[in-house]
Amino acid sequence: MSNLIEKSINLGLGLFAYSREKVEELVEELVQRGEIANKDARQFASELVKRGEEQRSELKKIVKEEVTKALDNFNIAKKEDIVTSDEISKIVREQIKQVLREEGISKE
């Protein structure tokens, strides 16, 4: 049983790379070798898949944080910093209206 725990911990370290099918194959192999009871196989596979999903989520969060830090260090514009063409058009229209009002050409 301790061998099974050791293998599951080692597997957990790289589990996020495993698909559900691979996990099920691994668990089936453990059942065939008698390292896990057939009645526990489904629950064990579900726990491994859940652990893999948690690791994927955590890895995604870490990567996102690191990319954000890197972008901040290089002063690269973010999506929310970029002015759209619609916003530019609106600004230009407002400026034209302002100039026309100042010149007395428009009363708007």
N, C-alpha and C. Protein backbone atom coordinates (compact mmCIF):
# COMPACT_ATOMS: atom_id res chain seq x y z
N MET A 1 0.82 -1.20 0.00
CA MET A 1 0.00 0.00 0.00
C MET A 1 0.86 1.25 0.00
N SER A 2 1.99 1.25 0.73
CA SER A 2 2.86 2.43 0.74
C SER A 2 3.44 2.68 -0.64
N ASN A 3 3.68 1.60 -1.41
CA ASN A 3 4.15 1.74 -2.78
C ASN A 3 3.10 2.46 -3.63
N LEU A 4 1.85 2.16 -3.40
CA LEU A 4 0.75 2.80 -4.11
C LEU A 4 0.70 4.28 -3.77
N ILE A 5 0.86 4.60 -2.50
CA ILE A 5 0.83 6.00 -2.08
C ILE A 5 1.99 6.76 -2.72
N GLU A 6 3.17 6.15 -2.71
CA GLU A 6 4.34 6.78 -3.32
C GLU A 6 4.11 7.02 -4.81
N LYS A 7 3.56 6.04 -5.50
CA LYS A 7 3.29 6.20 -6.93
C LYS A 7 2.26 7.28 -7.18
N SER A 8 1.24 7.34 -6.35
CA SER A 8 0.21 8.37 -6.56
C SER A 8 0.76 9.76 -6.29
N ILE A 9 1.67 9.89 -5.32
CA ILE A 9 2.30 11.19 -5.07
C ILE A 9 3.18 11.57 -6.25
N ASN A 10 3.99 10.64 -6.72
CA ASN A 10 4.84 10.92 -7.89
C ASN A 10 3.99 11.25 -9.11
N LEU A 11 2.91 10.51 -9.27
CA LEU A 11 2.01 10.78 -10.39
C LEU A 11 1.38 12.14 -10.23
N GLY A 12 1.05 12.50 -9.02
CA GLY A 12 0.43 13.80 -8.75
C GLY A 12 1.28 14.96 -9.20
N LEU A 13 2.58 14.80 -9.16
CA LEU A 13 3.48 15.88 -9.56
C LEU A 13 3.35 16.19 -11.05
N GLY A 14 3.06 15.19 -11.84
CA GLY A 14 2.94 15.42 -13.27
C GLY A 14 1.56 15.11 -13.80
N LEU A 15 0.62 15.01 -12.90
CA LEU A 15 -0.72 14.56 -13.26
C LEU A 15 -1.44 15.51 -14.19
N PHE A 16 -1.15 16.79 -14.10
CA PHE A 16 -1.88 17.74 -14.93
C PHE A 16 -1.69 17.45 -16.41
N ALA A 17 -0.63 16.70 -16.75
CA ALA A 17 -0.38 16.39 -18.15
C ALA A 17 -1.14 15.14 -18.60
N TYR A 18 -1.73 14.43 -17.67
CA TYR A 18 -2.44 13.20 -18.00
C TYR A 18 -3.88 13.48 -18.38
N SER A 19 -4.36 12.76 -19.35
CA SER A 19 -5.77 12.84 -19.71
C SER A 19 -6.54 11.85 -18.84
N ARG A 20 -7.85 11.98 -18.84
CA ARG A 20 -8.68 11.06 -18.07
C ARG A 20 -8.43 9.61 -18.53
N GLU A 21 -8.26 9.42 -19.83
CA GLU A 21 -8.05 8.07 -20.35
C GLU A 21 -6.75 7.48 -19.81
N LYS A 22 -5.70 8.29 -19.77
CA LYS A 22 -4.41 7.81 -19.26
C LYS A 22 -4.52 7.44 -17.79
N VAL A 23 -5.24 8.26 -17.02
CA VAL A 23 -5.43 7.97 -15.60
C VAL A 23 -6.18 6.66 -15.43
N GLU A 24 -7.23 6.47 -16.23
CA GLU A 24 -8.01 5.23 -16.14
C GLU A 24 -7.15 4.03 -16.51
N GLU A 25 -6.28 4.19 -17.52
CA GLU A 25 -5.37 3.10 -17.89
C GLU A 25 -4.42 2.77 -16.75
N LEU A 26 -3.88 3.79 -16.11
CA LEU A 26 -2.97 3.59 -14.99
C LEU A 26 -3.67 2.87 -13.85
N VAL A 27 -4.87 3.31 -13.52
CA VAL A 27 -5.62 2.69 -12.43
C VAL A 27 -5.96 1.24 -12.77
N GLU A 28 -6.33 0.98 -14.02
CA GLU A 28 -6.62 -0.40 -14.46
C GLU A 28 -5.39 -1.27 -14.30
N GLU A 29 -4.23 -0.71 -14.64
CA GLU A 29 -2.98 -1.46 -14.49
C GLU A 29 -2.70 -1.76 -13.01
N LEU A 30 -2.98 -0.80 -12.14
CA LEU A 30 -2.79 -1.01 -10.70
C LEU A 30 -3.74 -2.09 -10.19
N VAL A 31 -4.96 -2.12 -10.70
CA VAL A 31 -5.93 -3.15 -10.31
C VAL A 31 -5.44 -4.51 -10.76
N GLN A 32 -4.96 -4.62 -12.01
CA GLN A 32 -4.48 -5.89 -12.54
C GLN A 32 -3.29 -6.43 -11.75
N ARG A 33 -2.45 -5.50 -11.27
CA ARG A 33 -1.28 -5.93 -10.48
C ARG A 33 -1.63 -6.14 -9.02
N GLY A 34 -2.86 -5.88 -8.66
CA GLY A 34 -3.30 -6.11 -7.29
C GLY A 34 -2.87 -5.02 -6.31
N GLU A 35 -2.47 -3.88 -6.82
CA GLU A 35 -2.01 -2.80 -5.94
C GLU A 35 -3.16 -1.94 -5.44
N ILE A 36 -4.32 -2.11 -6.06
CA ILE A 36 -5.52 -1.40 -5.62
C ILE A 36 -6.71 -2.32 -5.88
N ALA A 37 -7.68 -2.26 -4.98
CA ALA A 37 -8.86 -3.12 -5.12
C ALA A 37 -9.74 -2.58 -6.24
N ASN A 38 -10.37 -3.49 -6.94
CA ASN A 38 -11.25 -3.13 -8.05
C ASN A 38 -12.36 -2.19 -7.58
N LYS A 39 -12.87 -2.44 -6.37
CA LYS A 39 -13.96 -1.60 -5.85
C LYS A 39 -13.51 -0.17 -5.57
N ASP A 40 -12.21 0.05 -5.36
CA ASP A 40 -11.68 1.39 -5.07
C ASP A 40 -11.17 2.10 -6.33
N ALA A 41 -11.12 1.40 -7.43
CA ALA A 41 -10.49 1.93 -8.64
C ALA A 41 -11.18 3.19 -9.16
N ARG A 42 -12.49 3.18 -9.23
CA ARG A 42 -13.21 4.33 -9.77
C ARG A 42 -12.98 5.57 -8.92
N GLN A 43 -13.08 5.41 -7.60
CA GLN A 43 -12.87 6.55 -6.71
C GLN A 43 -11.42 7.05 -6.81
N PHE A 44 -10.47 6.13 -6.88
CA PHE A 44 -9.06 6.50 -6.98
C PHE A 44 -8.81 7.27 -8.29
N ALA A 45 -9.39 6.79 -9.39
CA ALA A 45 -9.23 7.46 -10.68
C ALA A 45 -9.85 8.86 -10.63
N SER A 46 -11.02 8.98 -10.01
CA SER A 46 -11.68 10.29 -9.90
C SER A 46 -10.82 11.25 -9.08
N GLU A 47 -10.22 10.75 -8.01
CA GLU A 47 -9.36 11.60 -7.19
C GLU A 47 -8.13 12.05 -7.98
N LEU A 48 -7.55 11.17 -8.75
CA LEU A 48 -6.39 11.54 -9.56
C LEU A 48 -6.75 12.57 -10.62
N VAL A 49 -7.90 12.38 -11.27
CA VAL A 49 -8.36 13.34 -12.29
C VAL A 49 -8.62 14.70 -11.63
N LYS A 50 -9.26 14.68 -10.47
CA LYS A 50 -9.53 15.93 -9.75
C LYS A 50 -8.22 16.62 -9.39
N ARG A 51 -7.27 15.87 -8.90
CA ARG A 51 -5.97 16.44 -8.55
C ARG A 51 -5.29 17.05 -9.78
N GLY A 52 -5.39 16.38 -10.90
CA GLY A 52 -4.82 16.90 -12.14
C GLY A 52 -5.48 18.20 -12.57
N GLU A 53 -6.81 18.26 -12.45
CA GLU A 53 -7.53 19.49 -12.80
C GLU A 53 -7.14 20.63 -11.88
N GLU A 54 -6.96 20.34 -10.60
CA GLU A 54 -6.53 21.37 -9.64
C GLU A 54 -5.14 21.87 -10.00
N GLN A 55 -4.26 20.95 -10.38
CA GLN A 55 -2.90 21.34 -10.74
C GLN A 55 -2.90 22.17 -12.02
N ARG A 56 -3.73 21.80 -12.99
CA ARG A 56 -3.84 22.58 -14.22
C ARG A 56 -4.30 24.00 -13.92
N SER A 57 -5.30 24.10 -13.06
CA SER A 57 -5.84 25.40 -12.68
C SER A 57 -4.78 26.24 -11.97
N GLU A 58 -4.07 25.63 -11.05
CA GLU A 58 -3.02 26.34 -10.32
C GLU A 58 -1.90 26.77 -11.25
N LEU A 59 -1.50 25.88 -12.16
CA LEU A 59 -0.45 26.21 -13.11
C LEU A 59 -0.88 27.37 -14.02
N LYS A 60 -2.13 27.34 -14.46
CA LYS A 60 -2.66 28.41 -15.31
C LYS A 60 -2.61 29.74 -14.56
N LYS A 61 -2.99 29.72 -13.29
CA LYS A 61 -2.97 30.92 -12.46
C LYS A 61 -1.55 31.46 -12.31
N ILE A 62 -0.60 30.58 -12.06
CA ILE A 62 0.79 30.99 -11.89
C ILE A 62 1.34 31.58 -13.19
N VAL A 63 1.07 30.93 -14.30
CA VAL A 63 1.55 31.42 -15.60
C VAL A 63 0.96 32.79 -15.88
N LYS A 64 -0.33 32.96 -15.62
CA LYS A 64 -0.99 34.25 -15.86
C LYS A 64 -0.35 35.34 -15.02
N GLU A 65 -0.10 35.05 -13.75
CA GLU A 65 0.53 36.04 -12.86
C GLU A 65 1.93 36.40 -13.35
N GLU A 66 2.70 35.42 -13.77
CA GLU A 66 4.06 35.68 -14.22
C GLU A 66 4.08 36.46 -15.54
N VAL A 67 3.17 36.14 -16.44
CA VAL A 67 3.09 36.88 -17.70
C VAL A 67 2.69 38.33 -17.43
N THR A 68 1.74 38.53 -16.52
CA THR A 68 1.33 39.88 -16.16
C THR A 68 2.49 40.67 -15.58
N LYS A 69 3.27 40.04 -14.69
CA LYS A 69 4.45 40.70 -14.12
C LYS A 69 5.44 41.07 -15.22
N ALA A 70 5.68 40.15 -16.14
CA ALA A 70 6.64 40.41 -17.22
C ALA A 70 6.16 41.55 -18.10
N LEU A 71 4.89 41.57 -18.44
CA LEU A 71 4.35 42.65 -19.27
C LEU A 71 4.44 43.99 -18.54
N ASP A 72 4.18 43.98 -17.25
CA ASP A 72 4.28 45.22 -16.47
C ASP A 72 5.71 45.73 -16.45
N ASN A 73 6.68 44.83 -16.37
CA ASN A 73 8.09 45.23 -16.34
C ASN A 73 8.54 45.87 -17.65
N PHE A 74 7.91 45.49 -18.75
CA PHE A 74 8.31 46.00 -20.06
C PHE A 74 7.39 47.12 -20.56
N ASN A 75 6.45 47.55 -19.72
CA ASN A 75 5.51 48.61 -20.08
C ASN A 75 4.81 48.35 -21.41
N ILE A 76 4.36 47.14 -21.60
CA ILE A 76 3.62 46.77 -22.80
C ILE A 76 2.15 47.08 -22.57
N ALA A 77 1.53 47.69 -23.57
CA ALA A 77 0.11 48.06 -23.45
C ALA A 77 -0.75 46.81 -23.28
N LYS A 78 -1.72 46.94 -22.40
CA LYS A 78 -2.69 45.87 -22.19
C LYS A 78 -3.91 46.16 -23.03
N LYS A 79 -4.76 45.18 -23.18
CA LYS A 79 -5.96 45.32 -24.00
C LYS A 79 -6.78 46.53 -23.56
N GLU A 80 -6.93 46.68 -22.24
CA GLU A 80 -7.75 47.80 -21.74
C GLU A 80 -7.08 49.16 -21.95
N ASP A 81 -5.78 49.18 -22.24
CA ASP A 81 -5.06 50.43 -22.49
C ASP A 81 -5.20 50.92 -23.93
N ILE A 82 -5.61 50.06 -24.82
CA ILE A 82 -5.64 50.38 -26.25
C ILE A 82 -6.95 51.08 -26.60
N VAL A 83 -6.84 52.20 -27.30
CA VAL A 83 -8.01 52.97 -27.72
C VAL A 83 -8.52 52.40 -29.04
N THR A 84 -9.82 52.14 -29.09
CA THR A 84 -10.42 51.58 -30.30
C THR A 84 -10.68 52.67 -31.33
N SER A 85 -10.91 52.27 -32.57
CA SER A 85 -11.21 53.24 -33.63
C SER A 85 -12.50 53.98 -33.34
N ASP A 86 -13.47 53.33 -32.73
CA ASP A 86 -14.72 54.00 -32.36
C ASP A 86 -14.46 55.09 -31.33
N GLU A 87 -13.60 54.79 -30.37
CA GLU A 87 -13.26 55.78 -29.34
C GLU A 87 -12.51 56.96 -29.95
N ILE A 88 -11.61 56.67 -30.88
CA ILE A 88 -10.87 57.74 -31.57
C ILE A 88 -11.83 58.61 -32.36
N SER A 89 -12.76 58.00 -33.08
CA SER A 89 -13.75 58.75 -33.86
C SER A 89 -14.57 59.66 -32.95
N LYS A 90 -14.98 59.16 -31.81
CA LYS A 90 -15.77 59.95 -30.87
C LYS A 90 -14.95 61.14 -30.36
N ILE A 91 -13.70 60.92 -30.02
CA ILE A 91 -12.82 62.00 -29.54
C ILE A 91 -12.65 63.07 -30.62
N VAL A 92 -12.40 62.64 -31.85
CA VAL A 92 -12.20 63.58 -32.96
C VAL A 92 -13.48 64.39 -33.19
N ARG A 93 -14.65 63.75 -33.19
CA ARG A 93 -15.91 64.46 -33.37
C ARG A 93 -16.10 65.52 -32.29
N GLU A 94 -15.80 65.16 -31.05
CA GLU A 94 -15.93 66.10 -29.94
C GLU A 94 -14.98 67.28 -30.10
N GLN A 95 -13.78 67.01 -30.56
CA GLN A 95 -12.81 68.09 -30.76
C GLN A 95 -13.25 69.01 -31.89
N ILE A 96 -13.78 68.44 -32.97
CA ILE A 96 -14.28 69.25 -34.09
C ILE A 96 -15.44 70.12 -33.62
N LYS A 97 -16.36 69.54 -32.85
CA LYS A 97 -17.48 70.31 -32.32
C LYS A 97 -16.97 71.45 -31.44
N GLN A 98 -15.98 71.17 -30.62
CA GLN A 98 -15.41 72.18 -29.73
C GLN A 98 -14.82 73.34 -30.55
N VAL A 99 -14.06 73.04 -31.59
CA VAL A 99 -13.45 74.07 -32.43
C VAL A 99 -14.55 74.89 -33.13
N LEU A 100 -15.56 74.22 -33.64
CA LEU A 100 -16.66 74.91 -34.32
C LEU A 100 -17.40 75.83 -33.35
N ARG A 101 -17.62 75.40 -32.10
CA ARG A 101 -18.25 76.26 -31.10
C ARG A 101 -17.38 77.47 -30.79
N GLU A 102 -16.08 77.23 -30.65
CA GLU A 102 -15.14 78.32 -30.34
C GLU A 102 -15.08 79.34 -31.46
N GLU A 103 -15.23 78.89 -32.70
CA GLU A 103 -15.18 79.79 -33.86
C GLU A 103 -16.55 80.42 -34.14
N GLY A 104 -17.56 80.01 -33.39
CA GLY A 104 -18.89 80.57 -33.57
C GLY A 104 -19.62 80.01 -34.76
N ILE A 105 -19.13 78.92 -35.31
CA ILE A 105 -19.74 78.32 -36.50
C ILE A 105 -20.90 77.41 -36.09
N SER A 106 -20.84 76.84 -34.93
CA SER A 106 -21.86 75.90 -34.49
C SER A 106 -22.34 76.30 -33.09
N LYS A 107 -23.63 76.03 -32.80
CA LYS A 107 -24.20 76.38 -31.50
C LYS A 107 -24.42 75.14 -30.63
N GLU A 108 -24.04 73.98 -31.10
CA GLU A 108 -24.23 72.72 -30.34
C GLU A 108 -23.48 72.70 -29.07
